[in-house]
Amino acid sequence: MNKPTGKQSHYQIIIEGQLDPCWQEWFDGLTITITDAGHTVLSGPIRDQAALHGLMKKVRNLGIPLLSVNRVEPDQKDENFRP
């Protein structure tokens, strides 16, 4: 098991459908990008696992289908996955 380093990890959370950018603040400032496939990518740094689980809870509470959660290197944070 990896020990926490105290550094934030960057994630890409892909959800079904198109989420309006006005939701960015509610999703803790994560960047909202719409893919060519019409899905939404929430991307950016997340401070720890508790914050990640809190974001997953927000997605669940909105009833939006979650397609994937990917931890990425900081230089990949703005790339769009196409599930």
C-alpha atoms as a PDB file:
ATOM      1  CA  MET A   1       0.000   0.000   0.000  1.00  0.00           C
ATOM      2  CA  ASN A   2       1.314   3.445  -0.927  1.00  0.00           C
ATOM      3  CA  LYS A   3       1.805   5.924   1.877  1.00  0.00           C
ATOM      4  CA  PRO A   4       0.267   9.374   1.427  1.00  0.00           C
ATOM      5  CA  THR A   5       2.842  11.949   0.355  1.00  0.00           C
ATOM      6  CA  GLY A   6       0.857  15.010   1.364  1.00  0.00           C
ATOM      7  CA  LYS A   7       0.672  16.054  -2.290  1.00  0.00           C
ATOM      8  CA  GLN A   8      -2.609  16.480  -4.100  1.00  0.00           C
ATOM      9  CA  SER A   9      -3.418  13.973  -6.800  1.00  0.00           C
ATOM     10  CA  HIS A  10      -4.964  14.990 -10.113  1.00  0.00           C
ATOM     11  CA  TYR A  11      -8.100  13.187 -11.239  1.00  0.00           C
ATOM     12  CA  GLN A  12     -10.406  13.003 -14.221  1.00  0.00           C
ATOM     13  CA  ILE A  13     -13.971  12.096 -13.338  1.00  0.00           C
ATOM     14  CA  ILE A  14     -16.093  11.290 -16.367  1.00  0.00           C
ATOM     15  CA  ILE A  15     -19.860  11.466 -16.131  1.00  0.00           C
ATOM     16  CA  GLU A  16     -22.593  10.804 -18.648  1.00  0.00           C
ATOM     17  CA  GLY A  17     -24.161  13.789 -20.370  1.00  0.00           C
ATOM     18  CA  GLN A  18     -23.242  17.442 -20.440  1.00  0.00           C
ATOM     19  CA  LEU A  19     -22.855  19.393 -17.234  1.00  0.00           C
ATOM     20  CA  ASP A  20     -23.024  23.180 -17.520  1.00  0.00           C
ATOM     21  CA  PRO A  21     -19.807  24.993 -16.499  1.00  0.00           C
ATOM     22  CA  CYS A  22     -21.790  26.926 -13.867  1.00  0.00           C
ATOM     23  CA  TRP A  23     -21.410  23.792 -11.672  1.00  0.00           C
ATOM     24  CA  GLN A  24     -17.620  24.267 -11.441  1.00  0.00           C
ATOM     25  CA  GLU A  25     -17.667  25.972  -8.040  1.00  0.00           C
ATOM     26  CA  TRP A  26     -20.000  23.312  -6.595  1.00  0.00           C
ATOM     27  CA  PHE A  27     -17.523  20.665  -7.742  1.00  0.00           C
ATOM     28  CA  ASP A  28     -14.711  22.300  -5.738  1.00  0.00           C
ATOM     29  CA  GLY A  29     -13.327  24.267  -8.684  1.00  0.00           C
ATOM     30  CA  LEU A  30     -12.619  21.267 -10.898  1.00  0.00           C
ATOM     31  CA  THR A  31     -12.420  22.115 -14.592  1.00  0.00           C
ATOM     32  CA  ILE A  32     -15.532  21.093 -16.536  1.00  0.00           C
ATOM     33  CA  THR A  33     -14.934  19.952 -20.119  1.00  0.00           C
ATOM     34  CA  ILE A  34     -17.387  18.425 -22.584  1.00  0.00           C
ATOM     35  CA  THR A  35     -15.944  15.625 -24.721  1.00  0.00           C
ATOM     36  CA  ASP A  36     -16.650  15.005 -28.402  1.00  0.00           C
ATOM     37  CA  ALA A  37     -18.735  12.025 -27.239  1.00  0.00           C
ATOM     38  CA  GLY A  38     -21.006  14.377 -25.244  1.00  0.00           C
ATOM     39  CA  HIS A  39     -19.778  13.369 -21.777  1.00  0.00           C
ATOM     40  CA  THR A  40     -18.472  15.673 -19.059  1.00  0.00           C
ATOM     41  CA  VAL A  41     -14.953  15.505 -17.641  1.00  0.00           C
ATOM     42  CA  LEU A  42     -14.338  17.007 -14.218  1.00  0.00           C
ATOM     43  CA  SER A  43     -10.578  17.408 -13.855  1.00  0.00           C
ATOM     44  CA  GLY A  44      -8.061  18.895 -11.472  1.00  0.00           C
ATOM     45  CA  PRO A  45      -6.339  18.388  -8.149  1.00  0.00           C
ATOM     46  CA  ILE A  46      -8.147  16.682  -5.287  1.00  0.00           C
ATOM     47  CA  ARG A  47      -6.526  17.005  -1.867  1.00  0.00           C
ATOM     48  CA  ASP A  48      -7.188  13.514  -0.502  1.00  0.00           C
ATOM     49  CA  GLN A  49      -9.407  10.432  -0.617  1.00  0.00           C
ATOM     50  CA  ALA A  50     -12.026  12.003   1.648  1.00  0.00           C
ATOM     51  CA  ALA A  51     -12.427  14.885  -0.832  1.00  0.00           C
ATOM     52  CA  LEU A  52     -12.633  12.405  -3.717  1.00  0.00           C
ATOM     53  CA  HIS A  53     -15.389  10.469  -1.949  1.00  0.00           C
ATOM     54  CA  GLY A  54     -17.206  13.741  -1.275  1.00  0.00           C
ATOM     55  CA  LEU A  55     -17.171  14.523  -5.002  1.00  0.00           C
ATOM     56  CA  MET A  56     -18.476  11.051  -5.813  1.00  0.00           C
ATOM     57  CA  LYS A  57     -21.303  11.670  -3.337  1.00  0.00           C
ATOM     58  CA  LYS A  58     -22.205  14.899  -5.175  1.00  0.00           C
ATOM     59  CA  VAL A  59     -22.332  13.018  -8.496  1.00  0.00           C
ATOM     60  CA  ARG A  60     -24.524  10.349  -6.901  1.00  0.00           C
ATOM     61  CA  ASN A  61     -26.855  12.905  -5.323  1.00  0.00           C
ATOM     62  CA  LEU A  62     -27.417  14.549  -8.716  1.00  0.00           C
ATOM     63  CA  GLY A  63     -28.340  11.164 -10.193  1.00  0.00           C
ATOM     64  CA  ILE A  64     -25.710  11.508 -12.922  1.00  0.00           C
ATOM     65  CA  PRO A  65     -24.277   8.198 -14.209  1.00  0.00           C
ATOM     66  CA  LEU A  66     -20.574   7.953 -13.339  1.00  0.00           C
ATOM     67  CA  LEU A  67     -18.524   6.516 -16.215  1.00  0.00           C
ATOM     68  CA  SER A  68     -14.997   6.530 -14.770  1.00  0.00           C
ATOM     69  CA  VAL A  69     -12.590   7.957 -12.225  1.00  0.00           C
ATOM     70  CA  ASN A  70      -8.938   8.171 -13.256  1.00  0.00           C
ATOM     71  CA  ARG A  71      -5.925   9.405 -11.329  1.00  0.00           C
ATOM     72  CA  VAL A  72      -3.617  11.110 -13.817  1.00  0.00           C
ATOM     73  CA  GLU A  73      -0.269  12.842 -13.893  1.00  0.00           C
ATOM     74  CA  PRO A  74      -0.565  16.637 -13.608  1.00  0.00           C
ATOM     75  CA  ASP A  75       0.517  17.102 -17.251  1.00  0.00           C
ATOM     76  CA  GLN A  76      -2.414  14.883 -18.355  1.00  0.00           C
ATOM     77  CA  LYS A  77      -5.083  16.667 -16.334  1.00  0.00           C
ATOM     78  CA  ASP A  78      -6.563  18.535 -19.301  1.00  0.00           C
ATOM     79  CA  GLU A  79      -6.667  15.605 -21.725  1.00  0.00           C
ATOM     80  CA  ASN A  80     -10.095  14.229 -22.521  1.00  0.00           C
ATOM     81  CA  PHE A  81     -10.717  10.530 -22.206  1.00  0.00           C
ATOM     82  CA  ARG A  82     -13.308   9.191 -24.604  1.00  0.00           C
ATOM     83  CA  PRO A  83     -15.115   6.324 -22.870  1.00  0.00           C
END
